[in-house]
mmCIF file of all heavy atoms, coordinates in Angstrom:
data_MODEL
# 
_entry.id   MODEL 
# 
loop_
_atom_site.group_PDB 
_atom_site.id 
_atom_site.type_symbol 
_atom_site.label_atom_id 
_atom_site.label_alt_id 
_atom_site.label_comp_id 
_atom_site.label_asym_id 
_atom_site.label_entity_id 
_atom_site.label_seq_id 
_atom_site.pdbx_PDB_ins_code 
_atom_site.Cartn_x 
_atom_site.Cartn_y 
_atom_site.Cartn_z 
_atom_site.occupancy 
_atom_site.B_iso_or_equiv 
_atom_site.pdbx_formal_charge 
_atom_site.auth_seq_id 
_atom_site.auth_comp_id 
_atom_site.auth_asym_id 
_atom_site.auth_atom_id 
_atom_site.pdbx_PDB_model_num 
ATOM 1   N N   . LEU A 1 1  ? 140.700 -66.480 128.594 1.00 0.00 ? 1  LEU A N   1 
ATOM 2   C CA  . LEU A 1 1  ? 141.500 -65.252 128.576 1.00 0.00 ? 1  LEU A CA  1 
ATOM 3   C C   . LEU A 1 1  ? 140.596 -64.022 128.616 1.00 0.00 ? 1  LEU A C   1 
ATOM 4   O O   . LEU A 1 1  ? 140.796 -63.112 129.419 1.00 0.00 ? 1  LEU A O   1 
ATOM 5   C CB  . LEU A 1 1  ? 142.388 -65.228 127.329 1.00 0.00 ? 1  LEU A CB  1 
ATOM 6   C CG  . LEU A 1 1  ? 143.122 -63.929 127.017 1.00 0.00 ? 1  LEU A CG  1 
ATOM 7   C CD1 . LEU A 1 1  ? 144.154 -63.619 128.080 1.00 0.00 ? 1  LEU A CD1 1 
ATOM 8   C CD2 . LEU A 1 1  ? 143.778 -64.011 125.644 1.00 0.00 ? 1  LEU A CD2 1 
ATOM 9   N N   . MET A 1 2  ? 139.579 -64.013 127.763 1.00 0.00 ? 2  MET A N   1 
ATOM 10  C CA  . MET A 1 2  ? 138.671 -62.858 127.706 1.00 0.00 ? 2  MET A CA  1 
ATOM 11  C C   . MET A 1 2  ? 137.871 -62.713 129.001 1.00 0.00 ? 2  MET A C   1 
ATOM 12  O O   . MET A 1 2  ? 137.610 -61.597 129.457 1.00 0.00 ? 2  MET A O   1 
ATOM 13  C CB  . MET A 1 2  ? 137.722 -62.961 126.507 1.00 0.00 ? 2  MET A CB  1 
ATOM 14  C CG  . MET A 1 2  ? 138.405 -62.736 125.173 1.00 0.00 ? 2  MET A CG  1 
ATOM 15  S SD  . MET A 1 2  ? 139.066 -61.071 125.025 1.00 0.00 ? 2  MET A SD  1 
ATOM 16  C CE  . MET A 1 2  ? 140.806 -61.372 125.003 1.00 0.00 ? 2  MET A CE  1 
ATOM 17  N N   . ASN A 1 3  ? 137.491 -63.839 129.601 1.00 0.00 ? 3  ASN A N   1 
ATOM 18  C CA  . ASN A 1 3  ? 136.800 -63.772 130.899 1.00 0.00 ? 3  ASN A CA  1 
ATOM 19  C C   . ASN A 1 3  ? 137.698 -63.151 131.964 1.00 0.00 ? 3  ASN A C   1 
ATOM 20  O O   . ASN A 1 3  ? 137.243 -62.357 132.788 1.00 0.00 ? 3  ASN A O   1 
ATOM 21  C CB  . ASN A 1 3  ? 136.352 -65.170 131.348 1.00 0.00 ? 3  ASN A CB  1 
ATOM 22  C CG  . ASN A 1 3  ? 135.120 -65.632 130.623 1.00 0.00 ? 3  ASN A CG  1 
ATOM 23  O OD1 . ASN A 1 3  ? 134.336 -64.831 130.118 1.00 0.00 ? 3  ASN A OD1 1 
ATOM 24  N ND2 . ASN A 1 3  ? 134.933 -66.944 130.545 1.00 0.00 ? 3  ASN A ND2 1 
ATOM 25  N N   . THR A 1 4  ? 138.973 -63.495 131.937 1.00 0.00 ? 4  THR A N   1 
ATOM 26  C CA  . THR A 1 4  ? 139.915 -62.937 132.903 1.00 0.00 ? 4  THR A CA  1 
ATOM 27  C C   . THR A 1 4  ? 140.127 -61.444 132.648 1.00 0.00 ? 4  THR A C   1 
ATOM 28  O O   . THR A 1 4  ? 140.165 -60.652 133.598 1.00 0.00 ? 4  THR A O   1 
ATOM 29  C CB  . THR A 1 4  ? 141.263 -63.695 132.856 1.00 0.00 ? 4  THR A CB  1 
ATOM 30  O OG1 . THR A 1 4  ? 140.997 -65.092 133.040 1.00 0.00 ? 4  THR A OG1 1 
ATOM 31  C CG2 . THR A 1 4  ? 142.205 -63.217 133.946 1.00 0.00 ? 4  THR A CG2 1 
ATOM 32  N N   . VAL A 1 5  ? 140.237 -61.059 131.385 1.00 0.00 ? 5  VAL A N   1 
ATOM 33  C CA  . VAL A 1 5  ? 140.364 -59.633 131.043 1.00 0.00 ? 5  VAL A CA  1 
ATOM 34  C C   . VAL A 1 5  ? 139.125 -58.879 131.526 1.00 0.00 ? 5  VAL A C   1 
ATOM 35  O O   . VAL A 1 5  ? 139.234 -57.791 132.104 1.00 0.00 ? 5  VAL A O   1 
ATOM 36  C CB  . VAL A 1 5  ? 140.587 -59.430 129.528 1.00 0.00 ? 5  VAL A CB  1 
ATOM 37  C CG1 . VAL A 1 5  ? 140.456 -57.960 129.147 1.00 0.00 ? 5  VAL A CG1 1 
ATOM 38  C CG2 . VAL A 1 5  ? 141.947 -59.972 129.101 1.00 0.00 ? 5  VAL A CG2 1 
ATOM 39  N N   . CYS A 1 6  ? 137.965 -59.454 131.320 1.00 0.00 ? 6  CYS A N   1 
ATOM 40  C CA  . CYS A 1 6  ? 136.708 -58.830 131.772 1.00 0.00 ? 6  CYS A CA  1 
ATOM 41  C C   . CYS A 1 6  ? 136.691 -58.685 133.295 1.00 0.00 ? 6  CYS A C   1 
ATOM 42  O O   . CYS A 1 6  ? 136.302 -57.639 133.821 1.00 0.00 ? 6  CYS A O   1 
ATOM 43  C CB  . CYS A 1 6  ? 135.524 -59.672 131.305 1.00 0.00 ? 6  CYS A CB  1 
ATOM 44  S SG  . CYS A 1 6  ? 133.929 -58.967 131.738 1.00 0.00 ? 6  CYS A SG  1 
ATOM 45  N N   . MET A 1 7  ? 137.145 -59.725 133.995 1.00 0.00 ? 7  MET A N   1 
ATOM 46  C CA  . MET A 1 7  ? 137.207 -59.677 135.464 1.00 0.00 ? 7  MET A CA  1 
ATOM 47  C C   . MET A 1 7  ? 138.138 -58.546 135.910 1.00 0.00 ? 7  MET A C   1 
ATOM 48  O O   . MET A 1 7  ? 137.806 -57.792 136.827 1.00 0.00 ? 7  MET A O   1 
ATOM 49  C CB  . MET A 1 7  ? 137.700 -61.023 135.997 1.00 0.00 ? 7  MET A CB  1 
ATOM 50  C CG  . MET A 1 7  ? 137.820 -61.129 137.507 1.00 0.00 ? 7  MET A CG  1 
ATOM 51  S SD  . MET A 1 7  ? 139.401 -60.629 138.253 1.00 0.00 ? 7  MET A SD  1 
ATOM 52  C CE  . MET A 1 7  ? 140.595 -61.636 137.420 1.00 0.00 ? 7  MET A CE  1 
ATOM 53  N N   . ILE A 1 8  ? 139.281 -58.425 135.248 1.00 0.00 ? 8  ILE A N   1 
ATOM 54  C CA  . ILE A 1 8  ? 140.230 -57.359 135.586 1.00 0.00 ? 8  ILE A CA  1 
ATOM 55  C C   . ILE A 1 8  ? 139.577 -55.999 135.371 1.00 0.00 ? 8  ILE A C   1 
ATOM 56  O O   . ILE A 1 8  ? 139.650 -55.119 136.225 1.00 0.00 ? 8  ILE A O   1 
ATOM 57  C CB  . ILE A 1 8  ? 141.526 -57.495 134.760 1.00 0.00 ? 8  ILE A CB  1 
ATOM 58  C CG1 . ILE A 1 8  ? 142.308 -58.722 135.227 1.00 0.00 ? 8  ILE A CG1 1 
ATOM 59  C CG2 . ILE A 1 8  ? 142.378 -56.227 134.856 1.00 0.00 ? 8  ILE A CG2 1 
ATOM 60  C CD1 . ILE A 1 8  ? 143.476 -59.090 134.327 1.00 0.00 ? 8  ILE A CD1 1 
ATOM 61  N N   . TYR A 1 9  ? 138.944 -55.822 134.237 1.00 0.00 ? 9  TYR A N   1 
ATOM 62  C CA  . TYR A 1 9  ? 138.300 -54.550 133.914 1.00 0.00 ? 9  TYR A CA  1 
ATOM 63  C C   . TYR A 1 9  ? 137.209 -54.205 134.936 1.00 0.00 ? 9  TYR A C   1 
ATOM 64  O O   . TYR A 1 9  ? 137.080 -53.054 135.348 1.00 0.00 ? 9  TYR A O   1 
ATOM 65  C CB  . TYR A 1 9  ? 137.706 -54.605 132.501 1.00 0.00 ? 9  TYR A CB  1 
ATOM 66  C CG  . TYR A 1 9  ? 137.003 -53.336 132.095 1.00 0.00 ? 9  TYR A CG  1 
ATOM 67  C CD1 . TYR A 1 9  ? 137.726 -52.196 131.764 1.00 0.00 ? 9  TYR A CD1 1 
ATOM 68  C CD2 . TYR A 1 9  ? 135.615 -53.261 132.060 1.00 0.00 ? 9  TYR A CD2 1 
ATOM 69  C CE1 . TYR A 1 9  ? 137.095 -51.023 131.399 1.00 0.00 ? 9  TYR A CE1 1 
ATOM 70  C CE2 . TYR A 1 9  ? 134.980 -52.096 131.692 1.00 0.00 ? 9  TYR A CE2 1 
ATOM 71  C CZ  . TYR A 1 9  ? 135.719 -50.975 131.365 1.00 0.00 ? 9  TYR A CZ  1 
ATOM 72  O OH  . TYR A 1 9  ? 135.084 -49.817 131.010 1.00 0.00 ? 9  TYR A OH  1 
ATOM 73  N N   . CYS A 1 10 ? 136.465 -55.199 135.352 1.00 0.00 ? 10 CYS A N   1 
ATOM 74  C CA  . CYS A 1 10 ? 135.341 -54.957 136.275 1.00 0.00 ? 10 CYS A CA  1 
ATOM 75  C C   . CYS A 1 10 ? 135.764 -54.771 137.732 1.00 0.00 ? 10 CYS A C   1 
ATOM 76  O O   . CYS A 1 10 ? 135.057 -54.118 138.489 1.00 0.00 ? 10 CYS A O   1 
ATOM 77  C CB  . CYS A 1 10 ? 134.337 -56.106 136.195 1.00 0.00 ? 10 CYS A CB  1 
ATOM 78  S SG  . CYS A 1 10 ? 133.465 -56.180 134.617 1.00 0.00 ? 10 CYS A SG  1 
ATOM 79  N N   . THR A 1 11 ? 136.893 -55.348 138.120 1.00 0.00 ? 11 THR A N   1 
ATOM 80  C CA  . THR A 1 11 ? 137.252 -55.312 139.547 1.00 0.00 ? 11 THR A CA  1 
ATOM 81  C C   . THR A 1 11 ? 138.467 -54.459 139.884 1.00 0.00 ? 11 THR A C   1 
ATOM 82  O O   . THR A 1 11 ? 138.614 -54.055 141.035 1.00 0.00 ? 11 THR A O   1 
ATOM 83  C CB  . THR A 1 11 ? 137.496 -56.740 140.087 1.00 0.00 ? 11 THR A CB  1 
ATOM 84  O OG1 . THR A 1 11 ? 138.552 -57.346 139.342 1.00 0.00 ? 11 THR A OG1 1 
ATOM 85  C CG2 . THR A 1 11 ? 136.235 -57.588 139.999 1.00 0.00 ? 11 THR A CG2 1 
ATOM 86  N N   . SER A 1 12 ? 139.317 -54.199 138.921 1.00 0.00 ? 12 SER A N   1 
ATOM 87  C CA  . SER A 1 12 ? 140.527 -53.429 139.218 1.00 0.00 ? 12 SER A CA  1 
ATOM 88  C C   . SER A 1 12 ? 140.209 -51.946 139.358 1.00 0.00 ? 12 SER A C   1 
ATOM 89  O O   . SER A 1 12 ? 139.570 -51.365 138.484 1.00 0.00 ? 12 SER A O   1 
ATOM 90  C CB  . SER A 1 12 ? 141.559 -53.606 138.103 1.00 0.00 ? 12 SER A CB  1 
ATOM 91  O OG  . SER A 1 12 ? 142.629 -52.704 138.291 1.00 0.00 ? 12 SER A OG  1 
ATOM 92  N N   . PRO A 1 13 ? 140.680 -51.336 140.446 1.00 0.00 ? 13 PRO A N   1 
ATOM 93  C CA  . PRO A 1 13 ? 140.443 -49.899 140.590 1.00 0.00 ? 13 PRO A CA  1 
ATOM 94  C C   . PRO A 1 13 ? 141.299 -49.050 139.646 1.00 0.00 ? 13 PRO A C   1 
ATOM 95  O O   . PRO A 1 13 ? 140.998 -47.892 139.422 1.00 0.00 ? 13 PRO A O   1 
ATOM 96  C CB  . PRO A 1 13 ? 140.806 -49.620 142.044 1.00 0.00 ? 13 PRO A CB  1 
ATOM 97  C CG  . PRO A 1 13 ? 141.655 -50.749 142.475 1.00 0.00 ? 13 PRO A CG  1 
ATOM 98  C CD  . PRO A 1 13 ? 141.322 -51.921 141.618 1.00 0.00 ? 13 PRO A CD  1 
ATOM 99  N N   . TYR A 1 14 ? 142.337 -49.651 139.068 1.00 0.00 ? 14 TYR A N   1 
ATOM 100 C CA  . TYR A 1 14 ? 143.232 -48.885 138.198 1.00 0.00 ? 14 TYR A CA  1 
ATOM 101 C C   . TYR A 1 14 ? 143.183 -49.337 136.741 1.00 0.00 ? 14 TYR A C   1 
ATOM 102 O O   . TYR A 1 14 ? 143.497 -48.566 135.844 1.00 0.00 ? 14 TYR A O   1 
ATOM 103 C CB  . TYR A 1 14 ? 144.684 -49.003 138.691 1.00 0.00 ? 14 TYR A CB  1 
ATOM 104 C CG  . TYR A 1 14 ? 144.864 -48.521 140.105 1.00 0.00 ? 14 TYR A CG  1 
ATOM 105 C CD1 . TYR A 1 14 ? 144.992 -49.415 141.158 1.00 0.00 ? 14 TYR A CD1 1 
ATOM 106 C CD2 . TYR A 1 14 ? 144.899 -47.161 140.397 1.00 0.00 ? 14 TYR A CD2 1 
ATOM 107 C CE1 . TYR A 1 14 ? 145.166 -48.973 142.455 1.00 0.00 ? 14 TYR A CE1 1 
ATOM 108 C CE2 . TYR A 1 14 ? 145.063 -46.707 141.691 1.00 0.00 ? 14 TYR A CE2 1 
ATOM 109 C CZ  . TYR A 1 14 ? 145.203 -47.623 142.715 1.00 0.00 ? 14 TYR A CZ  1 
ATOM 110 O OH  . TYR A 1 14 ? 145.363 -47.162 143.993 1.00 0.00 ? 14 TYR A OH  1 
ATOM 111 N N   . TYR A 1 15 ? 142.826 -50.581 136.498 1.00 0.00 ? 15 TYR A N   1 
ATOM 112 C CA  . TYR A 1 15 ? 142.850 -51.123 135.139 1.00 0.00 ? 15 TYR A CA  1 
ATOM 113 C C   . TYR A 1 15 ? 141.478 -51.053 134.481 1.00 0.00 ? 15 TYR A C   1 
ATOM 114 O O   . TYR A 1 15 ? 141.191 -51.804 133.566 1.00 0.00 ? 15 TYR A O   1 
ATOM 115 C CB  . TYR A 1 15 ? 143.331 -52.586 135.148 1.00 0.00 ? 15 TYR A CB  1 
ATOM 116 C CG  . TYR A 1 15 ? 144.518 -52.786 134.255 1.00 0.00 ? 15 TYR A CG  1 
ATOM 117 C CD1 . TYR A 1 15 ? 145.789 -52.856 134.771 1.00 0.00 ? 15 TYR A CD1 1 
ATOM 118 C CD2 . TYR A 1 15 ? 144.373 -52.862 132.881 1.00 0.00 ? 15 TYR A CD2 1 
ATOM 119 C CE1 . TYR A 1 15 ? 146.889 -53.011 133.971 1.00 0.00 ? 15 TYR A CE1 1 
ATOM 120 C CE2 . TYR A 1 15 ? 145.463 -53.012 132.064 1.00 0.00 ? 15 TYR A CE2 1 
ATOM 121 C CZ  . TYR A 1 15 ? 146.715 -53.084 132.614 1.00 0.00 ? 15 TYR A CZ  1 
ATOM 122 O OH  . TYR A 1 15 ? 147.789 -53.225 131.798 1.00 0.00 ? 15 TYR A OH  1 
ATOM 123 N N   . ASN A 1 16 ? 140.650 -50.154 134.930 1.00 0.00 ? 16 ASN A N   1 
ATOM 124 C CA  . ASN A 1 16 ? 139.281 -50.105 134.420 1.00 0.00 ? 16 ASN A CA  1 
ATOM 125 C C   . ASN A 1 16 ? 139.030 -48.913 133.491 1.00 0.00 ? 16 ASN A C   1 
ATOM 126 O O   . ASN A 1 16 ? 137.917 -48.443 133.372 1.00 0.00 ? 16 ASN A O   1 
ATOM 127 C CB  . ASN A 1 16 ? 138.288 -50.089 135.584 1.00 0.00 ? 16 ASN A CB  1 
ATOM 128 C CG  . ASN A 1 16 ? 138.484 -48.882 136.473 1.00 0.00 ? 16 ASN A CG  1 
ATOM 129 O OD1 . ASN A 1 16 ? 139.362 -48.064 136.244 1.00 0.00 ? 16 ASN A OD1 1 
ATOM 130 N ND2 . ASN A 1 16 ? 137.655 -48.771 137.495 1.00 0.00 ? 16 ASN A ND2 1 
ATOM 131 N N   . THR A 1 17 ? 140.079 -48.446 132.825 1.00 0.00 ? 17 THR A N   1 
ATOM 132 C CA  . THR A 1 17 ? 139.901 -47.357 131.864 1.00 0.00 ? 17 THR A CA  1 
ATOM 133 C C   . THR A 1 17 ? 140.048 -47.921 130.457 1.00 0.00 ? 17 THR A C   1 
ATOM 134 O O   . THR A 1 17 ? 140.721 -48.942 130.252 1.00 0.00 ? 17 THR A O   1 
ATOM 135 C CB  . THR A 1 17 ? 140.954 -46.248 132.061 1.00 0.00 ? 17 THR A CB  1 
ATOM 136 O OG1 . THR A 1 17 ? 142.251 -46.778 131.772 1.00 0.00 ? 17 THR A OG1 1 
ATOM 137 C CG2 . THR A 1 17 ? 140.926 -45.692 133.481 1.00 0.00 ? 17 THR A CG2 1 
ATOM 138 N N   . SER A 1 18 ? 139.436 -47.255 129.497 1.00 0.00 ? 18 SER A N   1 
ATOM 139 C CA  . SER A 1 18 ? 139.535 -47.740 128.122 1.00 0.00 ? 18 SER A CA  1 
ATOM 140 C C   . SER A 1 18 ? 140.981 -47.672 127.627 1.00 0.00 ? 18 SER A C   1 
ATOM 141 O O   . SER A 1 18 ? 141.431 -48.534 126.868 1.00 0.00 ? 18 SER A O   1 
ATOM 142 C CB  . SER A 1 18 ? 138.604 -46.950 127.197 1.00 0.00 ? 18 SER A CB  1 
ATOM 143 O OG  . SER A 1 18 ? 138.954 -45.596 127.194 1.00 0.00 ? 18 SER A OG  1 
ATOM 144 N N   . GLU A 1 19 ? 141.734 -46.679 128.102 1.00 0.00 ? 19 GLU A N   1 
ATOM 145 C CA  . GLU A 1 19 ? 143.136 -46.545 127.699 1.00 0.00 ? 19 GLU A CA  1 
ATOM 146 C C   . GLU A 1 19 ? 143.958 -47.756 128.144 1.00 0.00 ? 19 GLU A C   1 
ATOM 147 O O   . GLU A 1 19 ? 144.694 -48.348 127.349 1.00 0.00 ? 19 GLU A O   1 
ATOM 148 C CB  . GLU A 1 19 ? 143.719 -45.270 128.305 1.00 0.00 ? 19 GLU A CB  1 
ATOM 149 C CG  . GLU A 1 19 ? 145.167 -45.028 127.955 1.00 0.00 ? 19 GLU A CG  1 
ATOM 150 C CD  . GLU A 1 19 ? 145.761 -43.836 128.703 1.00 0.00 ? 19 GLU A CD  1 
ATOM 151 O OE1 . GLU A 1 19 ? 145.000 -42.999 129.229 1.00 0.00 ? 19 GLU A OE1 1 
ATOM 152 O OE2 . GLU A 1 19 ? 146.993 -43.759 128.761 1.00 0.00 ? 19 GLU A OE2 1 
ATOM 153 N N   . ARG A 1 20 ? 143.820 -48.138 129.406 1.00 0.00 ? 20 ARG A N   1 
ATOM 154 C CA  . ARG A 1 20 ? 144.580 -49.279 129.933 1.00 0.00 ? 20 ARG A CA  1 
ATOM 155 C C   . ARG A 1 20 ? 144.139 -50.591 129.273 1.00 0.00 ? 20 ARG A C   1 
ATOM 156 O O   . ARG A 1 20 ? 144.949 -51.431 128.917 1.00 0.00 ? 20 ARG A O   1 
ATOM 157 C CB  . ARG A 1 20 ? 144.385 -49.402 131.447 1.00 0.00 ? 20 ARG A CB  1 
ATOM 158 C CG  . ARG A 1 20 ? 145.020 -48.296 132.242 1.00 0.00 ? 20 ARG A CG  1 
ATOM 159 C CD  . ARG A 1 20 ? 146.316 -48.760 132.875 1.00 0.00 ? 20 ARG A CD  1 
ATOM 160 N NE  . ARG A 1 20 ? 146.734 -47.891 133.939 1.00 0.00 ? 20 ARG A NE  1 
ATOM 161 C CZ  . ARG A 1 20 ? 147.546 -46.857 133.776 1.00 0.00 ? 20 ARG A CZ  1 
ATOM 162 N NH1 . ARG A 1 20 ? 147.994 -46.561 132.594 1.00 0.00 ? 20 ARG A NH1 1 
ATOM 163 N NH2 . ARG A 1 20 ? 147.883 -46.123 134.800 1.00 0.00 ? 20 ARG A NH2 1 
ATOM 164 N N   . LEU A 1 21 ? 142.823 -50.756 129.126 1.00 0.00 ? 21 LEU A N   1 
ATOM 165 C CA  . LEU A 1 21 ? 142.301 -51.990 128.546 1.00 0.00 ? 21 LEU A CA  1 
ATOM 166 C C   . LEU A 1 21 ? 142.668 -52.096 127.068 1.00 0.00 ? 21 LEU A C   1 
ATOM 167 O O   . LEU A 1 21 ? 143.034 -53.175 126.597 1.00 0.00 ? 21 LEU A O   1 
ATOM 168 C CB  . LEU A 1 21 ? 140.786 -52.063 128.737 1.00 0.00 ? 21 LEU A CB  1 
ATOM 169 C CG  . LEU A 1 21 ? 140.210 -53.459 128.580 1.00 0.00 ? 21 LEU A CG  1 
ATOM 170 C CD1 . LEU A 1 21 ? 140.754 -54.379 129.665 1.00 0.00 ? 21 LEU A CD1 1 
ATOM 171 C CD2 . LEU A 1 21 ? 138.703 -53.420 128.644 1.00 0.00 ? 21 LEU A CD2 1 
ATOM 172 N N   . THR A 1 22 ? 142.603 -50.987 126.352 1.00 0.00 ? 22 THR A N   1 
ATOM 173 C CA  . THR A 1 22 ? 142.972 -50.991 124.936 1.00 0.00 ? 22 THR A CA  1 
ATOM 174 C C   . THR A 1 22 ? 144.428 -51.397 124.779 1.00 0.00 ? 22 THR A C   1 
ATOM 175 O O   . THR A 1 22 ? 144.771 -52.213 123.917 1.00 0.00 ? 22 THR A O   1 
ATOM 176 C CB  . THR A 1 22 ? 142.732 -49.599 124.305 1.00 0.00 ? 22 THR A CB  1 
ATOM 177 O OG1 . THR A 1 22 ? 141.340 -49.293 124.414 1.00 0.00 ? 22 THR A OG1 1 
ATOM 178 C CG2 . THR A 1 22 ? 143.147 -49.570 122.853 1.00 0.00 ? 22 THR A CG2 1 
ATOM 179 N N   . SER A 1 23 ? 145.294 -50.846 125.615 1.00 0.00 ? 23 SER A N   1 
ATOM 180 C CA  . SER A 1 23 ? 146.710 -51.185 125.569 1.00 0.00 ? 23 SER A CA  1 
ATOM 181 C C   . SER A 1 23 ? 146.922 -52.682 125.803 1.00 0.00 ? 23 SER A C   1 
ATOM 182 O O   . SER A 1 23 ? 147.693 -53.333 125.085 1.00 0.00 ? 23 SER A O   1 
ATOM 183 C CB  . SER A 1 23 ? 147.466 -50.366 126.622 1.00 0.00 ? 23 SER A CB  1 
ATOM 184 O OG  . SER A 1 23 ? 148.803 -50.763 126.686 1.00 0.00 ? 23 SER A OG  1 
ATOM 185 N N   . LEU A 1 24 ? 146.236 -53.231 126.775 1.00 0.00 ? 24 LEU A N   1 
ATOM 186 C CA  . LEU A 1 24 ? 146.362 -54.652 127.087 1.00 0.00 ? 24 LEU A CA  1 
ATOM 187 C C   . LEU A 1 24 ? 145.826 -55.510 125.934 1.00 0.00 ? 24 LEU A C   1 
ATOM 188 O O   . LEU A 1 24 ? 146.489 -56.462 125.497 1.00 0.00 ? 24 LEU A O   1 
ATOM 189 C CB  . LEU A 1 24 ? 145.614 -54.980 128.381 1.00 0.00 ? 24 LEU A CB  1 
ATOM 190 C CG  . LEU A 1 24 ? 145.611 -56.437 128.803 1.00 0.00 ? 24 LEU A CG  1 
ATOM 191 C CD1 . LEU A 1 24 ? 147.039 -56.944 129.027 1.00 0.00 ? 24 LEU A CD1 1 
ATOM 192 C CD2 . LEU A 1 24 ? 144.771 -56.620 130.057 1.00 0.00 ? 24 LEU A CD2 1 
ATOM 193 N N   . LEU A 1 25 ? 144.647 -55.187 125.441 1.00 0.00 ? 25 LEU A N   1 
ATOM 194 C CA  . LEU A 1 25 ? 144.056 -55.982 124.356 1.00 0.00 ? 25 LEU A CA  1 
ATOM 195 C C   . LEU A 1 25 ? 144.886 -55.898 123.080 1.00 0.00 ? 25 LEU A C   1 
ATOM 196 O O   . LEU A 1 25 ? 144.995 -56.884 122.335 1.00 0.00 ? 25 LEU A O   1 
ATOM 197 C CB  . LEU A 1 25 ? 142.609 -55.541 124.098 1.00 0.00 ? 25 LEU A CB  1 
ATOM 198 C CG  . LEU A 1 25 ? 141.617 -55.920 125.202 1.00 0.00 ? 25 LEU A CG  1 
ATOM 199 C CD1 . LEU A 1 25 ? 140.261 -55.281 124.941 1.00 0.00 ? 25 LEU A CD1 1 
ATOM 200 C CD2 . LEU A 1 25 ? 141.482 -57.436 125.326 1.00 0.00 ? 25 LEU A CD2 1 
ATOM 201 N N   . LEU A 1 26 ? 145.479 -54.744 122.839 1.00 0.00 ? 26 LEU A N   1 
ATOM 202 C CA  . LEU A 1 26 ? 146.359 -54.591 121.676 1.00 0.00 ? 26 LEU A CA  1 
ATOM 203 C C   . LEU A 1 26 ? 147.555 -55.536 121.798 1.00 0.00 ? 26 LEU A C   1 
ATOM 204 O O   . LEU A 1 26 ? 147.933 -56.209 120.833 1.00 0.00 ? 26 LEU A O   1 
ATOM 205 C CB  . LEU A 1 26 ? 146.832 -53.140 121.573 1.00 0.00 ? 26 LEU A CB  1 
ATOM 206 C CG  . LEU A 1 26 ? 147.758 -52.811 120.417 1.00 0.00 ? 26 LEU A CG  1 
ATOM 207 C CD1 . LEU A 1 26 ? 147.027 -52.975 119.088 1.00 0.00 ? 26 LEU A CD1 1 
ATOM 208 C CD2 . LEU A 1 26 ? 148.276 -51.398 120.547 1.00 0.00 ? 26 LEU A CD2 1 
ATOM 209 N N   . LYS A 1 27 ? 148.126 -55.632 122.973 1.00 0.00 ? 27 LYS A N   1 
ATOM 210 C CA  . LYS A 1 27 ? 149.283 -56.509 123.190 1.00 0.00 ? 27 LYS A CA  1 
ATOM 211 C C   . LYS A 1 27 ? 148.884 -57.983 123.059 1.00 0.00 ? 27 LYS A C   1 
ATOM 212 O O   . LYS A 1 27 ? 149.640 -58.799 122.523 1.00 0.00 ? 27 LYS A O   1 
ATOM 213 C CB  . LYS A 1 27 ? 149.916 -56.220 124.546 1.00 0.00 ? 27 LYS A CB  1 
ATOM 214 C CG  . LYS A 1 27 ? 150.649 -54.890 124.577 1.00 0.00 ? 27 LYS A CG  1 
ATOM 215 C CD  . LYS A 1 27 ? 151.186 -54.585 125.951 1.00 0.00 ? 27 LYS A CD  1 
ATOM 216 C CE  . LYS A 1 27 ? 151.935 -53.280 125.976 1.00 0.00 ? 27 LYS A CE  1 
ATOM 217 N NZ  . LYS A 1 27 ? 151.081 -52.128 126.112 1.00 0.00 ? 27 LYS A NZ  1 
ATOM 218 N N   . ILE A 1 28 ? 147.709 -58.320 123.550 1.00 0.00 ? 28 ILE A N   1 
ATOM 219 C CA  . ILE A 1 28 ? 147.220 -59.700 123.413 1.00 0.00 ? 28 ILE A CA  1 
ATOM 220 C C   . ILE A 1 28 ? 147.023 -60.025 121.933 1.00 0.00 ? 28 ILE A C   1 
ATOM 221 O O   . ILE A 1 28 ? 147.437 -61.086 121.451 1.00 0.00 ? 28 ILE A O   1 
ATOM 222 C CB  . ILE A 1 28 ? 145.909 -59.891 124.213 1.00 0.00 ? 28 ILE A CB  1 
ATOM 223 C CG1 . ILE A 1 28 ? 146.212 -59.860 125.722 1.00 0.00 ? 28 ILE A CG1 1 
ATOM 224 C CG2 . ILE A 1 28 ? 145.221 -61.196 123.824 1.00 0.00 ? 28 ILE A CG2 1 
ATOM 225 C CD1 . ILE A 1 28 ? 144.983 -59.785 126.612 1.00 0.00 ? 28 ILE A CD1 1 
# 
């Protein structure tokens, strides 16, 4: 799961902000 989240953060042009990632990790 964390590897996939990392891949998203590193490759997504829109999901690579701390705000978006924090929101996702909070939900997880």
